[in-house]
Amino acid sequence: MIANSSPVTVELAIRGLGLTYTFRDYCTDALARGELVEVLTEHQAPVPGVNIYFPREYSTMLPLRLFIDHLKENRG
């Protein structure tokens, strides 16, 4: 199956039409309900860090600063 939307690939996998490689957030409920099972867990790639790119003049904007601080405090 080929699709450019993770929710679509999850739905197709639930229907038994293939495998999907996606973020856990898109399939947590389906995994909990037993509609999906994880395979090849020993080959899961680590999630890389977050990179944020923005124009220099945005660095003093309070909403952006708060968002960056939130990301720094909650990286896991």
N, C-alpha and C. Protein backbone atom coordinates (compact mmCIF):
# COMPACT_ATOMS: atom_id res chain seq x y z
N MET A 1 0.84 -1.17 0.00
CA MET A 1 0.00 0.00 0.00
C MET A 1 0.88 1.23 0.00
N ILE A 2 0.46 2.23 -0.70
CA ILE A 2 1.18 3.49 -0.74
C ILE A 2 0.17 4.60 -0.47
N ALA A 3 0.46 5.44 0.49
CA ALA A 3 -0.40 6.58 0.82
C ALA A 3 0.49 7.66 1.41
N ASN A 4 0.04 8.89 1.36
CA ASN A 4 0.84 9.98 1.90
C ASN A 4 0.22 10.56 3.18
N SER A 5 -0.56 9.74 3.87
CA SER A 5 -1.22 10.19 5.09
C SER A 5 -1.16 9.06 6.12
N SER A 6 -0.53 9.32 7.26
CA SER A 6 -0.43 8.28 8.28
C SER A 6 -1.78 7.77 8.76
N PRO A 7 -2.77 8.65 9.02
CA PRO A 7 -4.07 8.12 9.43
C PRO A 7 -4.67 7.18 8.37
N VAL A 8 -4.44 7.45 7.11
CA VAL A 8 -4.94 6.58 6.05
C VAL A 8 -4.23 5.23 6.08
N THR A 9 -2.91 5.24 6.23
CA THR A 9 -2.19 3.96 6.26
C THR A 9 -2.58 3.13 7.48
N VAL A 10 -2.84 3.80 8.61
CA VAL A 10 -3.30 3.08 9.80
C VAL A 10 -4.65 2.42 9.53
N GLU A 11 -5.56 3.16 8.93
CA GLU A 11 -6.89 2.61 8.61
C GLU A 11 -6.77 1.43 7.64
N LEU A 12 -5.92 1.53 6.66
CA LEU A 12 -5.72 0.42 5.72
C LEU A 12 -5.14 -0.80 6.42
N ALA A 13 -4.22 -0.57 7.34
CA ALA A 13 -3.64 -1.69 8.09
C ALA A 13 -4.70 -2.35 8.98
N ILE A 14 -5.55 -1.55 9.61
CA ILE A 14 -6.64 -2.10 10.42
C ILE A 14 -7.54 -2.99 9.58
N ARG A 15 -7.76 -2.59 8.34
CA ARG A 15 -8.61 -3.38 7.43
C ARG A 15 -7.89 -4.60 6.86
N GLY A 16 -6.64 -4.78 7.25
CA GLY A 16 -5.90 -5.94 6.80
C GLY A 16 -5.29 -5.82 5.43
N LEU A 17 -5.09 -4.58 4.97
CA LEU A 17 -4.61 -4.35 3.62
C LEU A 17 -3.12 -4.06 3.54
N GLY A 18 -2.39 -4.30 4.62
CA GLY A 18 -0.95 -4.11 4.58
C GLY A 18 -0.39 -3.69 5.91
N LEU A 19 0.89 -3.34 5.88
CA LEU A 19 1.60 -2.86 7.07
C LEU A 19 1.70 -1.34 6.99
N THR A 20 1.91 -0.72 8.13
CA THR A 20 2.14 0.72 8.14
C THR A 20 3.32 1.02 9.05
N TYR A 21 4.07 2.04 8.70
CA TYR A 21 5.18 2.53 9.50
C TYR A 21 4.82 3.97 9.84
N THR A 22 4.51 4.22 11.10
CA THR A 22 3.99 5.52 11.47
C THR A 22 4.36 5.85 12.90
N PHE A 23 4.03 7.04 13.32
CA PHE A 23 4.24 7.45 14.70
C PHE A 23 3.20 6.76 15.59
N ARG A 24 3.60 6.41 16.79
CA ARG A 24 2.72 5.72 17.73
C ARG A 24 1.44 6.52 18.00
N ASP A 25 1.52 7.82 18.01
CA ASP A 25 0.33 8.65 18.29
C ASP A 25 -0.82 8.36 17.33
N TYR A 26 -0.50 7.95 16.12
CA TYR A 26 -1.54 7.69 15.12
C TYR A 26 -2.23 6.34 15.32
N CYS A 27 -1.63 5.45 16.12
CA CYS A 27 -2.21 4.10 16.22
C CYS A 27 -2.37 3.61 17.65
N THR A 28 -2.19 4.46 18.64
CA THR A 28 -2.28 4.04 20.04
C THR A 28 -3.59 3.35 20.35
N ASP A 29 -4.70 3.95 19.92
CA ASP A 29 -6.02 3.37 20.21
C ASP A 29 -6.20 2.02 19.53
N ALA A 30 -5.79 1.92 18.28
CA ALA A 30 -5.93 0.66 17.54
C ALA A 30 -5.06 -0.43 18.16
N LEU A 31 -3.89 -0.08 18.65
CA LEU A 31 -3.04 -1.05 19.35
C LEU A 31 -3.72 -1.51 20.64
N ALA A 32 -4.27 -0.57 21.39
CA ALA A 32 -4.94 -0.90 22.67
C ALA A 32 -6.15 -1.80 22.44
N ARG A 33 -6.87 -1.58 21.35
CA ARG A 33 -8.06 -2.39 21.04
C ARG A 33 -7.70 -3.73 20.41
N GLY A 34 -6.43 -3.93 20.09
CA GLY A 34 -6.01 -5.17 19.47
C GLY A 34 -6.27 -5.22 17.97
N GLU A 35 -6.61 -4.08 17.38
CA GLU A 35 -6.84 -4.03 15.93
C GLU A 35 -5.53 -4.07 15.15
N LEU A 36 -4.48 -3.63 15.80
CA LEU A 36 -3.14 -3.65 15.21
C LEU A 36 -2.18 -4.31 16.20
N VAL A 37 -1.14 -4.90 15.68
CA VAL A 37 -0.06 -5.44 16.51
C VAL A 37 1.26 -4.91 15.96
N GLU A 38 2.21 -4.71 16.86
CA GLU A 38 3.52 -4.25 16.43
C GLU A 38 4.33 -5.43 15.92
N VAL A 39 5.07 -5.21 14.86
CA VAL A 39 5.97 -6.22 14.31
C VAL A 39 7.35 -5.58 14.13
N LEU A 40 8.35 -6.41 14.11
CA LEU A 40 9.73 -5.95 13.90
C LEU A 40 10.17 -4.89 14.90
N THR A 41 9.70 -5.01 16.14
CA THR A 41 10.02 -3.99 17.14
C THR A 41 11.52 -3.86 17.40
N GLU A 42 12.27 -4.93 17.18
CA GLU A 42 13.71 -4.86 17.39
C GLU A 42 14.41 -4.02 16.33
N HIS A 43 13.69 -3.64 15.28
CA HIS A 43 14.26 -2.84 14.20
C HIS A 43 13.72 -1.40 14.18
N GLN A 44 13.04 -1.00 15.23
CA GLN A 44 12.50 0.36 15.26
C GLN A 44 13.62 1.39 15.30
N ALA A 45 13.46 2.41 14.50
CA ALA A 45 14.45 3.48 14.45
C ALA A 45 14.20 4.46 15.60
N PRO A 46 15.25 4.98 16.20
CA PRO A 46 15.06 5.99 17.24
C PRO A 46 14.51 7.28 16.63
N VAL A 47 13.72 7.97 17.41
CA VAL A 47 13.15 9.24 16.94
C VAL A 47 14.22 10.32 17.09
N PRO A 48 14.53 11.03 16.01
CA PRO A 48 15.55 12.07 16.11
C PRO A 48 15.03 13.28 16.89
N GLY A 49 15.92 14.16 17.22
CA GLY A 49 15.53 15.37 17.93
C GLY A 49 14.73 16.31 17.04
N VAL A 50 14.20 17.33 17.66
CA VAL A 50 13.39 18.32 16.96
C VAL A 50 14.28 19.47 16.51
N ASN A 51 14.11 19.91 15.29
CA ASN A 51 14.81 21.09 14.79
C ASN A 51 13.78 22.14 14.43
N ILE A 52 14.04 23.36 14.82
CA ILE A 52 13.13 24.47 14.51
C ILE A 52 13.92 25.53 13.75
N TYR A 53 13.38 25.93 12.63
CA TYR A 53 14.00 26.98 11.82
C TYR A 53 13.03 28.15 11.71
N PHE A 54 13.50 29.34 11.97
CA PHE A 54 12.66 30.52 11.90
C PHE A 54 13.54 31.74 11.63
N PRO A 55 12.93 32.78 11.08
CA PRO A 55 13.72 34.01 10.82
C PRO A 55 14.25 34.61 12.12
N ARG A 56 15.41 35.16 12.07
CA ARG A 56 16.06 35.73 13.25
C ARG A 56 15.16 36.71 14.00
N GLU A 57 14.41 37.52 13.28
CA GLU A 57 13.58 38.53 13.94
C GLU A 57 12.43 37.91 14.75
N TYR A 58 12.13 36.62 14.51
CA TYR A 58 11.07 35.96 15.27
C TYR A 58 11.55 35.52 16.65
N SER A 59 12.86 35.54 16.89
CA SER A 59 13.40 35.00 18.13
C SER A 59 12.94 35.75 19.37
N THR A 60 12.48 36.97 19.21
CA THR A 60 12.01 37.73 20.36
C THR A 60 10.50 37.64 20.55
N MET A 61 9.82 36.89 19.71
CA MET A 61 8.37 36.75 19.83
C MET A 61 8.06 35.81 21.00
N LEU A 62 7.26 36.27 21.94
CA LEU A 62 6.97 35.50 23.14
C LEU A 62 6.33 34.13 22.85
N PRO A 63 5.33 34.02 21.97
CA PRO A 63 4.76 32.68 21.72
C PRO A 63 5.79 31.68 21.21
N LEU A 64 6.67 32.11 20.33
CA LEU A 64 7.72 31.22 19.82
C LEU A 64 8.68 30.85 20.93
N ARG A 65 9.08 31.82 21.72
CA ARG A 65 10.00 31.55 22.84
C ARG A 65 9.39 30.54 23.81
N LEU A 66 8.09 30.70 24.13
CA LEU A 66 7.42 29.77 25.04
C LEU A 66 7.35 28.37 24.44
N PHE A 67 7.10 28.29 23.13
CA PHE A 67 7.04 27.00 22.46
C PHE A 67 8.40 26.31 22.51
N ILE A 68 9.46 27.03 22.23
CA ILE A 68 10.81 26.47 22.28
C ILE A 68 11.15 26.00 23.69
N ASP A 69 10.81 26.80 24.69
CA ASP A 69 11.06 26.41 26.07
C ASP A 69 10.29 25.15 26.43
N HIS A 70 9.05 25.05 25.96
CA HIS A 70 8.23 23.85 26.19
C HIS A 70 8.91 22.62 25.58
N LEU A 71 9.38 22.74 24.36
CA LEU A 71 10.04 21.61 23.71
C LEU A 71 11.30 21.20 24.47
N LYS A 72 12.06 22.16 24.92
CA LYS A 72 13.29 21.84 25.66
C LYS A 72 12.99 21.11 26.97
N GLU A 73 11.93 21.53 27.65
CA GLU A 73 11.58 20.93 28.94
C GLU A 73 10.97 19.54 28.78
N ASN A 74 10.36 19.26 27.64
CA ASN A 74 9.62 18.01 27.48
C ASN A 74 10.22 17.05 26.49
N ARG A 75 11.46 17.26 26.13
CA ARG A 75 12.05 16.29 25.19
C ARG A 75 12.30 14.99 25.94
N GLY A 76 12.11 13.91 25.20
CA GLY A 76 12.23 12.63 25.86
C GLY A 76 13.00 11.68 25.17
